């Protein structure tokens, strides 16, 4: 029995666990990590729009915020964005990244067009 439990702990310590590891991303400087919110799949007239014909949504949710940019004097300027905020972004702004089958956008805070207040 002791050898079995010892073997299991060795397997877990070597990273052979079958559970997927959660990746954490911390944006640098004044960058933010956003997840685009899905748009409507049906047009106003009731026509179903396929995925290939849909435009990129302009609404996004803030998933992570960097520590802020550094000004000329060396002071760090905090971001105006908070995790969980809904924002407006340009259709083609930022860099698209795919992590664990989830698509995100990384862009600078200055590229965010506005905060949606609910």
C-alpha atoms as a PDB file:
ATOM      1  CA  UNK A   1       0.000   0.000   0.000  1.00  0.00           C
ATOM      2  CA  UNK A   2       2.773   2.454   0.805  1.00  0.00           C
ATOM      3  CA  UNK A   3       4.398   2.068  -2.588  1.00  0.00           C
ATOM      4  CA  UNK A   4       1.106   2.850  -4.346  1.00  0.00           C
ATOM      5  CA  UNK A   5       0.546   6.095  -2.454  1.00  0.00           C
ATOM      6  CA  UNK A   6       4.193   7.051  -2.958  1.00  0.00           C
ATOM      7  CA  UNK A   7       3.877   6.409  -6.681  1.00  0.00           C
ATOM      8  CA  UNK A   8       0.724   8.557  -6.893  1.00  0.00           C
ATOM      9  CA  UNK A   9       2.411  11.491  -5.187  1.00  0.00           C
ATOM     10  CA  UNK A  10       5.375  11.172  -7.555  1.00  0.00           C
ATOM     11  CA  UNK A  11       3.043  11.181 -10.563  1.00  0.00           C
ATOM     12  CA  UNK A  12       1.303  14.327  -9.337  1.00  0.00           C
ATOM     13  CA  UNK A  13       4.572  16.087  -8.624  1.00  0.00           C
ATOM     14  CA  UNK A  14       5.807  15.364 -12.158  1.00  0.00           C
ATOM     15  CA  UNK A  15       2.791  17.128 -13.682  1.00  0.00           C
ATOM     16  CA  UNK A  16       1.015  13.971 -14.816  1.00  0.00           C
ATOM     17  CA  UNK A  17      -2.260  15.071 -13.289  1.00  0.00           C
ATOM     18  CA  UNK A  18      -5.183  14.657 -15.661  1.00  0.00           C
ATOM     19  CA  UNK A  19      -6.812  17.919 -14.561  1.00  0.00           C
ATOM     20  CA  UNK A  20      -6.208  20.796 -16.997  1.00  0.00           C
ATOM     21  CA  UNK A  21      -4.040  23.544 -15.559  1.00  0.00           C
ATOM     22  CA  UNK A  22      -5.637  26.972 -15.383  1.00  0.00           C
ATOM     23  CA  UNK A  23      -3.524  29.559 -17.164  1.00  0.00           C
ATOM     24  CA  UNK A  24      -3.304  33.001 -15.582  1.00  0.00           C
ATOM     25  CA  UNK A  25      -2.377  36.007 -17.673  1.00  0.00           C
ATOM     26  CA  UNK A  26      -1.228  39.334 -16.247  1.00  0.00           C
ATOM     27  CA  UNK A  27      -1.020  42.060 -18.897  1.00  0.00           C
ATOM     28  CA  UNK A  28       2.039  44.311 -18.816  1.00  0.00           C
ATOM     29  CA  UNK A  29       2.079  48.119 -18.442  1.00  0.00           C
ATOM     30  CA  UNK A  30      -1.170  49.744 -19.622  1.00  0.00           C
ATOM     31  CA  UNK A  31      -2.479  46.721 -21.513  1.00  0.00           C
ATOM     32  CA  UNK A  32      -5.795  45.003 -20.795  1.00  0.00           C
ATOM     33  CA  UNK A  33      -7.041  41.487 -21.527  1.00  0.00           C
ATOM     34  CA  UNK A  34     -10.580  41.476 -22.909  1.00  0.00           C
ATOM     35  CA  UNK A  35     -13.089  38.825 -23.889  1.00  0.00           C
ATOM     36  CA  UNK A  36     -15.415  39.861 -26.706  1.00  0.00           C
ATOM     37  CA  UNK A  37     -19.117  39.521 -25.875  1.00  0.00           C
ATOM     38  CA  UNK A  38     -21.116  37.587 -28.450  1.00  0.00           C
ATOM     39  CA  UNK A  39     -23.399  39.588 -30.720  1.00  0.00           C
ATOM     40  CA  UNK A  40     -26.866  38.659 -31.891  1.00  0.00           C
ATOM     41  CA  UNK A  41     -27.090  35.661 -34.206  1.00  0.00           C
ATOM     42  CA  UNK A  42     -30.437  36.807 -35.612  1.00  0.00           C
ATOM     43  CA  UNK A  43     -30.878  40.052 -37.540  1.00  0.00           C
ATOM     44  CA  UNK A  44     -33.635  42.557 -36.850  1.00  0.00           C
ATOM     45  CA  UNK A  45     -35.683  41.022 -39.677  1.00  0.00           C
ATOM     46  CA  UNK A  46     -35.386  37.547 -38.146  1.00  0.00           C
ATOM     47  CA  UNK A  47     -32.708  36.195 -40.501  1.00  0.00           C
ATOM     48  CA  UNK A  48     -30.197  33.846 -38.873  1.00  0.00           C
ATOM     49  CA  UNK A  49     -26.640  35.058 -39.500  1.00  0.00           C
ATOM     50  CA  UNK A  50     -23.968  32.324 -39.820  1.00  0.00           C
ATOM     51  CA  UNK A  51     -20.728  32.670 -37.836  1.00  0.00           C
ATOM     52  CA  UNK A  52     -18.683  33.317 -40.970  1.00  0.00           C
ATOM     53  CA  UNK A  53     -20.819  36.368 -41.885  1.00  0.00           C
ATOM     54  CA  UNK A  54     -20.986  37.938 -38.427  1.00  0.00           C
ATOM     55  CA  UNK A  55     -18.957  41.014 -37.628  1.00  0.00           C
ATOM     56  CA  UNK A  56     -16.604  41.073 -34.666  1.00  0.00           C
ATOM     57  CA  UNK A  57     -18.469  42.347 -31.607  1.00  0.00           C
ATOM     58  CA  UNK A  58     -17.459  45.770 -30.310  1.00  0.00           C
ATOM     59  CA  UNK A  59     -18.505  45.064 -26.720  1.00  0.00           C
ATOM     60  CA  UNK A  60     -16.063  43.265 -24.440  1.00  0.00           C
ATOM     61  CA  UNK A  61     -15.582  42.338 -20.797  1.00  0.00           C
ATOM     62  CA  UNK A  62     -12.348  43.203 -19.002  1.00  0.00           C
ATOM     63  CA  UNK A  63     -10.706  39.987 -17.778  1.00  0.00           C
ATOM     64  CA  UNK A  64      -7.369  41.386 -16.497  1.00  0.00           C
ATOM     65  CA  UNK A  65      -5.716  44.803 -16.195  1.00  0.00           C
ATOM     66  CA  UNK A  66      -2.011  45.640 -16.192  1.00  0.00           C
ATOM     67  CA  UNK A  67      -0.417  47.731 -13.422  1.00  0.00           C
ATOM     68  CA  UNK A  68      -0.555  50.925 -15.527  1.00  0.00           C
ATOM     69  CA  UNK A  69       1.855  52.957 -17.600  1.00  0.00           C
ATOM     70  CA  UNK A  70       4.870  54.864 -16.346  1.00  0.00           C
ATOM     71  CA  UNK A  71       5.014  58.617 -17.088  1.00  0.00           C
ATOM     72  CA  UNK A  72       8.089  60.734 -17.864  1.00  0.00           C
ATOM     73  CA  UNK A  73       8.843  61.241 -14.142  1.00  0.00           C
ATOM     74  CA  UNK A  74       8.858  57.508 -13.433  1.00  0.00           C
ATOM     75  CA  UNK A  75       5.504  57.499 -11.596  1.00  0.00           C
ATOM     76  CA  UNK A  76       3.071  54.703 -12.390  1.00  0.00           C
ATOM     77  CA  UNK A  77      -0.353  55.875 -13.572  1.00  0.00           C
ATOM     78  CA  UNK A  78      -3.131  53.468 -12.543  1.00  0.00           C
ATOM     79  CA  UNK A  79      -5.645  52.249 -15.111  1.00  0.00           C
ATOM     80  CA  UNK A  80      -9.237  53.551 -15.161  1.00  0.00           C
ATOM     81  CA  UNK A  81     -10.504  50.052 -15.998  1.00  0.00           C
ATOM     82  CA  UNK A  82     -11.521  47.364 -13.521  1.00  0.00           C
ATOM     83  CA  UNK A  83     -11.912  43.614 -13.979  1.00  0.00           C
ATOM     84  CA  UNK A  84     -15.507  42.798 -14.900  1.00  0.00           C
ATOM     85  CA  UNK A  85     -16.245  46.153 -16.574  1.00  0.00           C
ATOM     86  CA  UNK A  86     -17.932  46.143 -19.978  1.00  0.00           C
ATOM     87  CA  UNK A  87     -16.254  48.336 -22.582  1.00  0.00           C
ATOM     88  CA  UNK A  88     -16.497  49.387 -26.228  1.00  0.00           C
ATOM     89  CA  UNK A  89     -13.555  48.630 -28.517  1.00  0.00           C
ATOM     90  CA  UNK A  90     -12.843  48.955 -32.230  1.00  0.00           C
ATOM     91  CA  UNK A  91     -13.709  46.003 -34.463  1.00  0.00           C
ATOM     92  CA  UNK A  92     -10.120  45.380 -35.498  1.00  0.00           C
ATOM     93  CA  UNK A  93      -8.181  46.833 -32.567  1.00  0.00           C
ATOM     94  CA  UNK A  94      -5.763  44.897 -30.402  1.00  0.00           C
ATOM     95  CA  UNK A  95      -4.146  41.507 -30.801  1.00  0.00           C
ATOM     96  CA  UNK A  96      -6.321  38.385 -30.866  1.00  0.00           C
ATOM     97  CA  UNK A  97      -5.008  35.487 -28.761  1.00  0.00           C
ATOM     98  CA  UNK A  98      -6.488  32.041 -28.144  1.00  0.00           C
ATOM     99  CA  UNK A  99      -5.918  30.389 -24.770  1.00  0.00           C
ATOM    100  CA  UNK A 100      -7.509  27.045 -23.855  1.00  0.00           C
ATOM    101  CA  UNK A 101     -10.011  27.337 -26.739  1.00  0.00           C
ATOM    102  CA  UNK A 102     -11.141  30.783 -25.549  1.00  0.00           C
ATOM    103  CA  UNK A 103     -10.485  33.847 -27.661  1.00  0.00           C
ATOM    104  CA  UNK A 104      -9.231  37.044 -26.011  1.00  0.00           C
ATOM    105  CA  UNK A 105      -8.043  40.454 -27.173  1.00  0.00           C
ATOM    106  CA  UNK A 106      -5.028  42.243 -25.687  1.00  0.00           C
ATOM    107  CA  UNK A 107      -4.844  45.979 -26.274  1.00  0.00           C
ATOM    108  CA  UNK A 108      -3.633  49.207 -24.705  1.00  0.00           C
ATOM    109  CA  UNK A 109      -5.966  51.081 -22.380  1.00  0.00           C
ATOM    110  CA  UNK A 110      -5.941  54.079 -24.744  1.00  0.00           C
ATOM    111  CA  UNK A 111      -7.501  51.876 -27.466  1.00  0.00           C
ATOM    112  CA  UNK A 112     -10.629  51.321 -25.340  1.00  0.00           C
ATOM    113  CA  UNK A 113     -13.314  53.646 -26.704  1.00  0.00           C
ATOM    114  CA  UNK A 114     -15.480  53.820 -23.591  1.00  0.00           C
ATOM    115  CA  UNK A 115     -16.868  52.092 -20.501  1.00  0.00           C
ATOM    116  CA  UNK A 116     -20.471  50.828 -20.605  1.00  0.00           C
ATOM    117  CA  UNK A 117     -22.155  51.798 -17.347  1.00  0.00           C
ATOM    118  CA  UNK A 118     -25.091  49.669 -16.308  1.00  0.00           C
END
